[in-house]
Amino acid sequence: MGKRNRKFTPAEKAEKKRRQREYMTIFINGKQKRIKRPPTVEGIPVDEFIRRSADPIWLHQNRMYEELYQLELAEEDSQPKPARDFRKAARHADELPF
């Protein structure tokens, strides 16, 4: 019969829980490595949180021009474009774009 495992003390349980919150285990070249978890805000990555909640002025002040550009593109796509009737605009049938 094998050796019985001992129970962890409350301090050991707390330390294990802290390590699991702070670090994550990944595999590199077939070996387990423990690395620090990426920072999060309210459970989501920091970059995603900024993308969701930042306004254009804050993005500009903090020189996050790429996110500002993507925000402007998203706003342009969400706005409805006016419908244009090419048949009324064209005077002749050979001027139609299709």
PDB file of N, CA and C in Angstrom:
ATOM      1  N   MET A   1       0.834  -1.169   0.000  1.00  0.00           N
ATOM      2  CA  MET A   1       0.000   0.000   0.000  1.00  0.00           C
ATOM      3  C   MET A   1       0.888   1.246   0.000  1.00  0.00           C
ATOM      4  N   GLY A   2       0.461   2.247  -0.808  1.00  0.00           N
ATOM      5  CA  GLY A   2       1.276   3.446  -0.970  1.00  0.00           C
ATOM      6  C   GLY A   2       1.147   4.423   0.185  1.00  0.00           C
ATOM      7  N   LYS A   3       1.989   5.416   0.112  1.00  0.00           N
ATOM      8  CA  LYS A   3       2.001   6.463   1.140  1.00  0.00           C
ATOM      9  C   LYS A   3       0.806   7.387   0.941  1.00  0.00           C
ATOM     10  N   ARG A   4       0.137   7.759   2.002  1.00  0.00           N
ATOM     11  CA  ARG A   4      -1.018   8.643   1.901  1.00  0.00           C
ATOM     12  C   ARG A   4      -0.561  10.098   1.767  1.00  0.00           C
ATOM     13  N   ASN A   5      -1.293  10.859   0.950  1.00  0.00           N
ATOM     14  CA  ASN A   5      -0.977  12.278   0.791  1.00  0.00           C
ATOM     15  C   ASN A   5      -1.460  13.055   2.008  1.00  0.00           C
ATOM     16  N   ARG A   6      -0.669  14.011   2.446  1.00  0.00           N
ATOM     17  CA  ARG A   6      -1.075  14.821   3.578  1.00  0.00           C
ATOM     18  C   ARG A   6      -1.944  15.979   3.101  1.00  0.00           C
ATOM     19  N   LYS A   7      -2.724  16.530   3.972  1.00  0.00           N
ATOM     20  CA  LYS A   7      -3.573  17.671   3.648  1.00  0.00           C
ATOM     21  C   LYS A   7      -2.762  18.954   3.732  1.00  0.00           C
ATOM     22  N   PHE A   8      -3.133  19.915   2.865  1.00  0.00           N
ATOM     23  CA  PHE A   8      -2.458  21.201   2.893  1.00  0.00           C
ATOM     24  C   PHE A   8      -2.963  22.033   4.065  1.00  0.00           C
ATOM     25  N   THR A   9      -2.085  22.844   4.616  1.00  0.00           N
ATOM     26  CA  THR A   9      -2.475  23.774   5.669  1.00  0.00           C
ATOM     27  C   THR A   9      -3.183  24.963   5.030  1.00  0.00           C
ATOM     28  N   PRO A  10      -3.942  25.743   5.794  1.00  0.00           N
ATOM     29  CA  PRO A  10      -4.599  26.924   5.218  1.00  0.00           C
ATOM     30  C   PRO A  10      -3.615  27.902   4.568  1.00  0.00           C
ATOM     31  N   ALA A  11      -2.425  28.041   5.134  1.00  0.00           N
ATOM     32  CA  ALA A  11      -1.430  28.942   4.537  1.00  0.00           C
ATOM     33  C   ALA A  11      -0.963  28.414   3.182  1.00  0.00           C
ATOM     34  N   GLU A  12      -0.776  27.098   3.073  1.00  0.00           N
ATOM     35  CA  GLU A  12      -0.348  26.503   1.798  1.00  0.00           C
ATOM     36  C   GLU A  12      -1.450  26.625   0.750  1.00  0.00           C
ATOM     37  N   LYS A  13      -2.705  26.459   1.160  1.00  0.00           N
ATOM     38  CA  LYS A  13      -3.835  26.618   0.236  1.00  0.00           C
ATOM     39  C   LYS A  13      -3.912  28.056  -0.280  1.00  0.00           C
ATOM     40  N   ALA A  14      -3.722  29.013   0.620  1.00  0.00           N
ATOM     41  CA  ALA A  14      -3.774  30.427   0.231  1.00  0.00           C
ATOM     42  C   ALA A  14      -2.642  30.758  -0.731  1.00  0.00           C
ATOM     43  N   GLU A  15      -1.446  30.211  -0.490  1.00  0.00           N
ATOM     44  CA  GLU A  15      -0.309  30.461  -1.375  1.00  0.00           C
ATOM     45  C   GLU A  15      -0.551  29.858  -2.762  1.00  0.00           C
ATOM     46  N   LYS A  16      -1.131  28.668  -2.799  1.00  0.00           N
ATOM     47  CA  LYS A  16      -1.427  28.028  -4.085  1.00  0.00           C
ATOM     48  C   LYS A  16      -2.447  28.858  -4.871  1.00  0.00           C
ATOM     49  N   LYS A  17      -3.477  29.369  -4.174  1.00  0.00           N
ATOM     50  CA  LYS A  17      -4.493  30.194  -4.832  1.00  0.00           C
ATOM     51  C   LYS A  17      -3.890  31.484  -5.375  1.00  0.00           C
ATOM     52  N   ARG A  18      -2.978  32.107  -4.600  1.00  0.00           N
ATOM     53  CA  ARG A  18      -2.316  33.337  -5.040  1.00  0.00           C
ATOM     54  C   ARG A  18      -1.472  33.083  -6.282  1.00  0.00           C
ATOM     55  N   ARG A  19      -0.721  31.977  -6.287  1.00  0.00           N
ATOM     56  CA  ARG A  19       0.107  31.642  -7.452  1.00  0.00           C
ATOM     57  C   ARG A  19      -0.750  31.401  -8.683  1.00  0.00           C
ATOM     58  N   GLN A  20      -1.896  30.747  -8.522  1.00  0.00           N
ATOM     59  CA  GLN A  20      -2.771  30.487  -9.664  1.00  0.00           C
ATOM     60  C   GLN A  20      -3.360  31.776 -10.215  1.00  0.00           C
ATOM     61  N   ARG A  21      -3.631  32.755  -9.334  1.00  0.00           N
ATOM     62  CA  ARG A  21      -4.139  34.048  -9.807  1.00  0.00           C
ATOM     63  C   ARG A  21      -3.063  34.846 -10.525  1.00  0.00           C
ATOM     64  N   GLU A  22      -1.832  34.768 -10.029  1.00  0.00           N
ATOM     65  CA  GLU A  22      -0.747  35.605 -10.536  1.00  0.00           C
ATOM     66  C   GLU A  22      -0.043  35.009 -11.756  1.00  0.00           C
ATOM     67  N   TYR A  23       0.071  33.699 -11.821  1.00  0.00           N
ATOM     68  CA  TYR A  23       0.824  33.044 -12.892  1.00  0.00           C
ATOM     69  C   TYR A  23      -0.065  32.101 -13.690  1.00  0.00           C
ATOM     70  N   MET A  24       0.366  31.782 -14.892  1.00  0.00           N
ATOM     71  CA  MET A  24      -0.306  30.776 -15.706  1.00  0.00           C
ATOM     72  C   MET A  24       0.743  29.819 -16.259  1.00  0.00           C
ATOM     73  N   THR A  25       0.345  28.597 -16.515  1.00  0.00           N
ATOM     74  CA  THR A  25       1.268  27.585 -16.991  1.00  0.00           C
ATOM     75  C   THR A  25       1.071  27.400 -18.483  1.00  0.00           C
ATOM     76  N   ILE A  26       2.164  27.468 -19.250  1.00  0.00           N
ATOM     77  CA  ILE A  26       2.116  27.240 -20.697  1.00  0.00           C
ATOM     78  C   ILE A  26       3.185  26.217 -21.047  1.00  0.00           C
ATOM     79  N   PHE A  27       3.083  25.686 -22.258  1.00  0.00           N
ATOM     80  CA  PHE A  27       4.082  24.742 -22.728  1.00  0.00           C
ATOM     81  C   PHE A  27       4.993  25.424 -23.739  1.00  0.00           C
ATOM     82  N   ILE A  28       6.304  25.309 -23.534  1.00  0.00           N
ATOM     83  CA  ILE A  28       7.307  25.814 -24.468  1.00  0.00           C
ATOM     84  C   ILE A  28       8.279  24.674 -24.734  1.00  0.00           C
ATOM     85  N   ASN A  29       8.393  24.278 -25.993  1.00  0.00           N
ATOM     86  CA  ASN A  29       9.268  23.165 -26.384  1.00  0.00           C
ATOM     87  C   ASN A  29       8.965  21.899 -25.584  1.00  0.00           C
ATOM     88  N   GLY A  30       7.695  21.624 -25.336  1.00  0.00           N
ATOM     89  CA  GLY A  30       7.304  20.411 -24.640  1.00  0.00           C
ATOM     90  C   GLY A  30       7.512  20.449 -23.138  1.00  0.00           C
ATOM     91  N   LYS A  31       7.879  21.584 -22.590  1.00  0.00           N
ATOM     92  CA  LYS A  31       8.095  21.707 -21.143  1.00  0.00           C
ATOM     93  C   LYS A  31       7.141  22.746 -20.574  1.00  0.00           C
ATOM     94  N   GLN A  32       6.704  22.515 -19.350  1.00  0.00           N
ATOM     95  CA  GLN A  32       5.831  23.470 -18.695  1.00  0.00           C
ATOM     96  C   GLN A  32       6.641  24.647 -18.168  1.00  0.00           C
ATOM     97  N   LYS A  33       6.142  25.842 -18.437  1.00  0.00           N
ATOM     98  CA  LYS A  33       6.767  27.059 -17.915  1.00  0.00           C
ATOM     99  C   LYS A  33       5.682  27.881 -17.227  1.00  0.00           C
ATOM    100  N   ARG A  34       6.046  28.513 -16.136  1.00  0.00           N
ATOM    101  CA  ARG A  34       5.110  29.365 -15.432  1.00  0.00           C
ATOM    102  C   ARG A  34       5.468  30.812 -15.745  1.00  0.00           C
ATOM    103  N   ILE A  35       4.492  31.542 -16.296  1.00  0.00           N
ATOM    104  CA  ILE A  35       4.708  32.947 -16.639  1.00  0.00           C
ATOM    105  C   ILE A  35       3.636  33.788 -15.962  1.00  0.00           C
ATOM    106  N   LYS A  36       3.924  35.093 -15.806  1.00  0.00           N
ATOM    107  CA  LYS A  36       2.940  35.997 -15.204  1.00  0.00           C
ATOM    108  C   LYS A  36       1.752  36.169 -16.146  1.00  0.00           C
ATOM    109  N   ARG A  37       0.576  36.234 -15.586  1.00  0.00           N
ATOM    110  CA  ARG A  37      -0.626  36.462 -16.394  1.00  0.00           C
ATOM    111  C   ARG A  37      -0.614  37.897 -16.931  1.00  0.00           C
ATOM    112  N   PRO A  38      -1.181  38.112 -18.127  1.00  0.00           N
ATOM    113  CA  PRO A  38      -1.266  39.488 -18.646  1.00  0.00           C
ATOM    114  C   PRO A  38      -2.234  40.306 -17.791  1.00  0.00           C
ATOM    115  N   PRO A  39      -1.994  41.610 -17.681  1.00  0.00           N
ATOM    116  CA  PRO A  39      -2.869  42.441 -16.842  1.00  0.00           C
ATOM    117  C   PRO A  39      -4.273  42.533 -17.429  1.00  0.00           C
ATOM    118  N   THR A  40      -5.271  42.582 -16.547  1.00  0.00           N
ATOM    119  CA  THR A  40      -6.664  42.679 -16.976  1.00  0.00           C
ATOM    120  C   THR A  40      -7.368  43.763 -16.173  1.00  0.00           C
ATOM    121  N   VAL A  41      -8.447  44.285 -16.749  1.00  0.00           N
ATOM    122  CA  VAL A  41      -9.316  45.234 -16.073  1.00  0.00           C
ATOM    123  C   VAL A  41     -10.717  44.647 -16.142  1.00  0.00           C
ATOM    124  N   GLU A  42     -11.304  44.381 -14.995  1.00  0.00           N
ATOM    125  CA  GLU A  42     -12.635  43.783 -14.907  1.00  0.00           C
ATOM    126  C   GLU A  42     -12.712  42.475 -15.692  1.00  0.00           C
ATOM    127  N   GLY A  43     -11.622  41.733 -15.721  1.00  0.00           N
ATOM    128  CA  GLY A  43     -11.610  40.424 -16.351  1.00  0.00           C
ATOM    129  C   GLY A  43     -11.344  40.413 -17.850  1.00  0.00           C
ATOM    130  N   ILE A  44     -11.157  41.571 -18.472  1.00  0.00           N
ATOM    131  CA  ILE A  44     -10.848  41.610 -19.902  1.00  0.00           C
ATOM    132  C   ILE A  44      -9.468  42.247 -20.077  1.00  0.00           C
ATOM    133  N   PRO A  45      -8.766  41.914 -21.168  1.00  0.00           N
ATOM    134  CA  PRO A  45      -7.434  42.500 -21.374  1.00  0.00           C
ATOM    135  C   PRO A  45      -7.488  44.027 -21.432  1.00  0.00           C
ATOM    136  N   VAL A  46      -6.385  44.656 -21.044  1.00  0.00           N
ATOM    137  CA  VAL A  46      -6.323  46.116 -20.952  1.00  0.00           C
ATOM    138  C   VAL A  46      -6.590  46.767 -22.306  1.00  0.00           C
ATOM    139  N   ASP A  47      -6.000  46.226 -23.388  1.00  0.00           N
ATOM    140  CA  ASP A  47      -6.202  46.810 -24.719  1.00  0.00           C
ATOM    141  C   ASP A  47      -7.670  46.784 -25.128  1.00  0.00           C
ATOM    142  N   GLU A  48      -8.341  45.681 -24.864  1.00  0.00           N
ATOM    143  CA  GLU A  48      -9.755  45.569 -25.211  1.00  0.00           C
ATOM    144  C   GLU A  48     -10.590  46.534 -24.370  1.00  0.00           C
ATOM    145  N   PHE A  49     -10.258  46.690 -23.088  1.00  0.00           N
ATOM    146  CA  PHE A  49     -10.974  47.626 -22.221  1.00  0.00           C
ATOM    147  C   PHE A  49     -10.838  49.056 -22.731  1.00  0.00           C
ATOM    148  N   ILE A  50      -9.626  49.427 -23.149  1.00  0.00           N
ATOM    149  CA  ILE A  50      -9.404  50.773 -23.684  1.00  0.00           C
ATOM    150  C   ILE A  50     -10.198  50.965 -24.969  1.00  0.00           C
ATOM    151  N   ARG A  51     -10.185  49.955 -25.839  1.00  0.00           N
ATOM    152  CA  ARG A  51     -10.917  50.055 -27.093  1.00  0.00           C
ATOM    153  C   ARG A  51     -12.408  50.245 -26.859  1.00  0.00           C
ATOM    154  N   ARG A  52     -12.952  49.598 -25.843  1.00  0.00           N
ATOM    155  CA  ARG A  52     -14.385  49.689 -25.577  1.00  0.00           C
ATOM    156  C   ARG A  52     -14.788  51.005 -24.918  1.00  0.00           C
ATOM    157  N   SER A  53     -13.945  51.536 -24.021  1.00  0.00           N
ATOM    158  CA  SER A  53     -14.406  52.635 -23.183  1.00  0.00           C
ATOM    159  C   SER A  53     -13.771  53.995 -23.469  1.00  0.00           C
ATOM    160  N   ALA A  54     -12.731  54.071 -24.283  1.00  0.00           N
ATOM    161  CA  ALA A  54     -12.042  55.350 -24.485  1.00  0.00           C
ATOM    162  C   ALA A  54     -12.782  56.218 -25.500  1.00  0.00           C
ATOM    163  N   ASP A  55     -12.738  57.518 -25.261  1.00  0.00           N
ATOM    164  CA  ASP A  55     -13.308  58.448 -26.227  1.00  0.00           C
ATOM    165  C   ASP A  55     -12.179  59.000 -27.102  1.00  0.00           C
ATOM    166  N   PRO A  56     -12.525  59.615 -28.237  1.00  0.00           N
ATOM    167  CA  PRO A  56     -11.496  60.086 -29.174  1.00  0.00           C
ATOM    168  C   PRO A  56     -10.514  61.088 -28.564  1.00  0.00           C
ATOM    169  N   ILE A  57     -10.966  61.949 -27.668  1.00  0.00           N
ATOM    170  CA  ILE A  57     -10.059  62.934 -27.059  1.00  0.00           C
ATOM    171  C   ILE A  57      -9.000  62.239 -26.218  1.00  0.00           C
ATOM    172  N   TRP A  58      -9.419  61.263 -25.395  1.00  0.00           N
ATOM    173  CA  TRP A  58      -8.465  60.535 -24.558  1.00  0.00           C
ATOM    174  C   TRP A  58      -7.463  59.775 -25.424  1.00  0.00           C
ATOM    175  N   LEU A  59      -7.928  59.151 -26.503  1.00  0.00           N
ATOM    176  CA  LEU A  59      -7.026  58.425 -27.397  1.00  0.00           C
ATOM    177  C   LEU A  59      -6.003  59.372 -28.017  1.00  0.00           C
ATOM    178  N   HIS A  60      -6.438  60.562 -28.409  1.00  0.00           N
ATOM    179  CA  HIS A  60      -5.528  61.527 -29.010  1.00  0.00           C
ATOM    180  C   HIS A  60      -4.515  62.047 -27.983  1.00  0.00           C
ATOM    181  N   GLN A  61      -4.965  62.338 -26.762  1.00  0.00           N
ATOM    182  CA  GLN A  61      -4.063  62.835 -25.722  1.00  0.00           C
ATOM    183  C   GLN A  61      -2.986  61.811 -25.366  1.00  0.00           C
ATOM    184  N   ASN A  62      -3.318  60.520 -25.456  1.00  0.00           N
ATOM    185  CA  ASN A  62      -2.375  59.477 -25.099  1.00  0.00           C
ATOM    186  C   ASN A  62      -1.678  58.880 -26.329  1.00  0.00           C
ATOM    187  N   ARG A  63      -1.788  59.569 -27.449  1.00  0.00           N
ATOM    188  CA  ARG A  63      -1.106  59.208 -28.692  1.00  0.00           C
ATOM    189  C   ARG A  63      -1.386  57.787 -29.142  1.00  0.00           C
ATOM    190  N   MET A  64      -2.640  57.394 -29.047  1.00  0.00           N
ATOM    191  CA  MET A  64      -3.065  56.070 -29.503  1.00  0.00           C
ATOM    192  C   MET A  64      -3.794  56.261 -30.830  1.00  0.00           C
ATOM    193  N   TYR A  65      -3.033  56.673 -31.823  1.00  0.00           N
ATOM    194  CA  TYR A  65      -3.613  57.062 -33.103  1.00  0.00           C
ATOM    195  C   TYR A  65      -4.195  55.884 -33.862  1.00  0.00           C
ATOM    196  N   GLU A  66      -3.607  54.705 -33.732  1.00  0.00           N
ATOM    197  CA  GLU A  66      -4.114  53.537 -34.448  1.00  0.00           C
ATOM    198  C   GLU A  66      -5.519  53.174 -33.959  1.00  0.00           C
ATOM    199  N   GLU A  67      -5.735  53.206 -32.653  1.00  0.00           N
ATOM    200  CA  GLU A  67      -7.064  52.913 -32.116  1.00  0.00           C
ATOM    201  C   GLU A  67      -8.053  54.004 -32.516  1.00  0.00           C
ATOM    202  N   LEU A  68      -7.583  55.252 -32.550  1.00  0.00           N
ATOM    203  CA  LEU A  68      -8.439  56.358 -32.963  1.00  0.00           C
ATOM    204  C   LEU A  68      -8.887  56.182 -34.407  1.00  0.00           C
ATOM    205  N   TYR A  69      -7.953  55.769 -35.262  1.00  0.00           N
ATOM    206  CA  TYR A  69      -8.274  55.544 -36.673  1.00  0.00           C
ATOM    207  C   TYR A  69      -9.289  54.405 -36.809  1.00  0.00           C
ATOM    208  N   GLN A  70      -9.104  53.325 -36.054  1.00  0.00           N
ATOM    209  CA  GLN A  70     -10.045  52.204 -36.133  1.00  0.00           C
ATOM    210  C   GLN A  70     -11.419  52.604 -35.610  1.00  0.00           C
ATOM    211  N   LEU A  71     -11.456  53.462 -34.581  1.00  0.00           N
ATOM    212  CA  LEU A  71     -12.730  53.943 -34.059  1.00  0.00           C
ATOM    213  C   LEU A  71     -13.465  54.768 -35.115  1.00  0.00           C
ATOM    214  N   GLU A  72     -12.747  55.621 -35.825  1.00  0.00           N
ATOM    215  CA  GLU A  72     -13.369  56.433 -36.878  1.00  0.00           C
ATOM    216  C   GLU A  72     -13.890  55.560 -38.008  1.00  0.00           C
ATOM    217  N   LEU A  73     -13.147  54.531 -38.376  1.00  0.00           N
ATOM    218  CA  LEU A  73     -13.615  53.617 -39.421  1.00  0.00           C
ATOM    219  C   LEU A  73     -14.882  52.890 -38.996  1.00  0.00           C
ATOM    220  N   ALA A  74     -14.934  52.487 -37.739  1.00  0.00           N
ATOM    221  CA  ALA A  74     -16.113  51.787 -37.232  1.00  0.00           C
ATOM    222  C   ALA A  74     -17.329  52.714 -37.224  1.00  0.00           C
ATOM    223  N   GLU A  75     -17.120  53.987 -36.888  1.00  0.00           N
ATOM    224  CA  GLU A  75     -18.227  54.948 -36.896  1.00  0.00           C
ATOM    225  C   GLU A  75     -18.724  55.202 -38.312  1.00  0.00           C
ATOM    226  N   GLU A  76     -17.819  55.263 -39.282  1.00  0.00           N
ATOM    227  CA  GLU A  76     -18.227  55.471 -40.671  1.00  0.00           C
ATOM    228  C   GLU A  76     -19.040  54.291 -41.182  1.00  0.00           C
ATOM    229  N   ASP A  77     -18.656  53.082 -40.806  1.00  0.00           N
ATOM    230  CA  ASP A  77     -19.376  51.894 -41.256  1.00  0.00           C
ATOM    231  C   ASP A  77     -20.754  51.801 -40.633  1.00  0.00           C
ATOM    232  N   SER A  78     -20.930  52.315 -39.423  1.00  0.00           N
ATOM    233  CA  SER A  78     -22.211  52.194 -38.736  1.00  0.00           C
ATOM    234  C   SER A  78     -23.234  53.216 -39.240  1.00  0.00           C
ATOM    235  N   GLN A  79     -22.781  54.314 -39.853  1.00  0.00           N
ATOM    236  CA  GLN A  79     -23.705  55.322 -40.336  1.00  0.00           C
ATOM    237  C   GLN A  79     -24.286  54.888 -41.685  1.00  0.00           C
ATOM    238  N   PRO A  80     -25.602  55.047 -41.848  1.00  0.00           N
ATOM    239  CA  PRO A  80     -26.210  54.672 -43.134  1.00  0.00           C
ATOM    240  C   PRO A  80     -25.790  55.646 -44.234  1.00  0.00           C
ATOM    241  N   LYS A  81     -25.519  55.084 -45.391  1.00  0.00           N
ATOM    242  CA  LYS A  81     -25.130  55.915 -46.531  1.00  0.00           C
ATOM    243  C   LYS A  81     -26.376  56.247 -47.347  1.00  0.00           C
ATOM    244  N   PRO A  82     -26.467  57.462 -47.874  1.00  0.00           N
ATOM    245  CA  PRO A  82     -27.658  57.819 -48.653  1.00  0.00           C
ATOM    246  C   PRO A  82     -27.721  57.000 -49.940  1.00  0.00           C
ATOM    247  N   ALA A  83     -28.916  56.555 -50.227  1.00  0.00           N
ATOM    248  CA  ALA A  83     -29.117  55.780 -51.452  1.00  0.00           C
ATOM    249  C   ALA A  83     -29.074  56.719 -52.649  1.00  0.00           C
ATOM    250  N   ARG A  84     -28.449  56.289 -53.718  1.00  0.00           N
ATOM    251  CA  ARG A  84     -28.344  57.107 -54.914  1.00  0.00           C
ATOM    252  C   ARG A  84     -28.856  56.305 -56.094  1.00  0.00           C
ATOM    253  N   ASP A  85     -29.766  56.874 -56.807  1.00  0.00           N
ATOM    254  CA  ASP A  85     -30.332  56.198 -57.967  1.00  0.00           C
ATOM    255  C   ASP A  85     -29.540  56.640 -59.194  1.00  0.00           C
ATOM    256  N   PHE A  86     -28.741  55.738 -59.735  1.00  0.00           N
ATOM    257  CA  PHE A  86     -27.898  56.068 -60.873  1.00  0.00           C
ATOM    258  C   PHE A  86     -28.709  56.260 -62.153  1.00  0.00           C
ATOM    259  N   ARG A  87     -29.871  55.672 -62.192  1.00  0.00           N
ATOM    260  CA  ARG A  87     -30.675  55.805 -63.414  1.00  0.00           C
ATOM    261  C   ARG A  87     -31.176  57.241 -63.583  1.00  0.00           C
ATOM    262  N   LYS A  88     -31.517  57.904 -62.467  1.00  0.00           N
ATOM    263  CA  LYS A  88     -31.986  59.288 -62.547  1.00  0.00           C
ATOM    264  C   LYS A  88     -30.813  60.240 -62.789  1.00  0.00           C
ATOM    265  N   ALA A  89     -29.623  59.923 -62.246  1.00  0.00           N
ATOM    266  CA  ALA A  89     -28.471  60.801 -62.389  1.00  0.00           C
ATOM    267  C   ALA A  89     -27.900  60.746 -63.803  1.00  0.00           C
ATOM    268  N   ALA A  90     -27.995  59.605 -64.454  1.00  0.00           N
ATOM    269  CA  ALA A  90     -27.421  59.467 -65.791  1.00  0.00           C
ATOM    270  C   ALA A  90     -28.420  59.961 -66.832  1.00  0.00           C
ATOM    271  N   ARG A  91     -27.918  60.738 -67.779  1.00  0.00           N
ATOM    272  CA  ARG A  91     -28.799  61.255 -68.839  1.00  0.00           C
ATOM    273  C   ARG A  91     -28.944  60.256 -69.961  1.00  0.00           C
ATOM    274  N   HIS A  92     -27.900  59.492 -70.170  1.00  0.00           N
ATOM    275  CA  HIS A  92     -27.939  58.517 -71.257  1.00  0.00           C
ATOM    276  C   HIS A  92     -27.639  57.138 -70.692  1.00  0.00           C
ATOM    277  N   ALA A  93     -28.062  56.120 -71.405  1.00  0.00           N
ATOM    278  CA  ALA A  93     -27.884  54.747 -70.950  1.00  0.00           C
ATOM    279  C   ALA A  93     -26.415  54.353 -70.924  1.00  0.00           C
ATOM    280  N   ASP A  94     -25.580  54.957 -71.769  1.00  0.00           N
ATOM    281  CA  ASP A  94     -24.156  54.604 -71.791  1.00  0.00           C
ATOM    282  C   ASP A  94     -23.381  55.204 -70.611  1.00  0.00           C
ATOM    283  N   GLU A  95     -23.989  56.118 -69.831  1.00  0.00           N
ATOM    284  CA  GLU A  95     -23.337  56.696 -68.670  1.00  0.00           C
ATOM    285  C   GLU A  95     -23.566  55.898 -67.383  1.00  0.00           C
ATOM    286  N   LEU A  96     -24.405  54.865 -67.424  1.00  0.00           N
ATOM    287  CA  LEU A  96     -24.691  54.078 -66.230  1.00  0.00           C
ATOM    288  C   LEU A  96     -23.433  53.344 -65.773  1.00  0.00           C
ATOM    289  N   PRO A  97     -23.173  53.291 -64.481  1.00  0.00           N
ATOM    290  CA  PRO A  97     -21.948  52.671 -63.983  1.00  0.00           C
ATOM    291  C   PRO A  97     -21.949  51.153 -64.053  1.00  0.00           C
ATOM    292  N   PHE A  98     -23.072  50.523 -64.379  1.00  0.00           N
ATOM    293  CA  PHE A  98     -23.106  49.049 -64.421  1.00  0.00           C
ATOM    294  C   PHE A  98     -23.508  48.546 -65.766  1.00  0.00           C
TER     295      PHE A  98
END
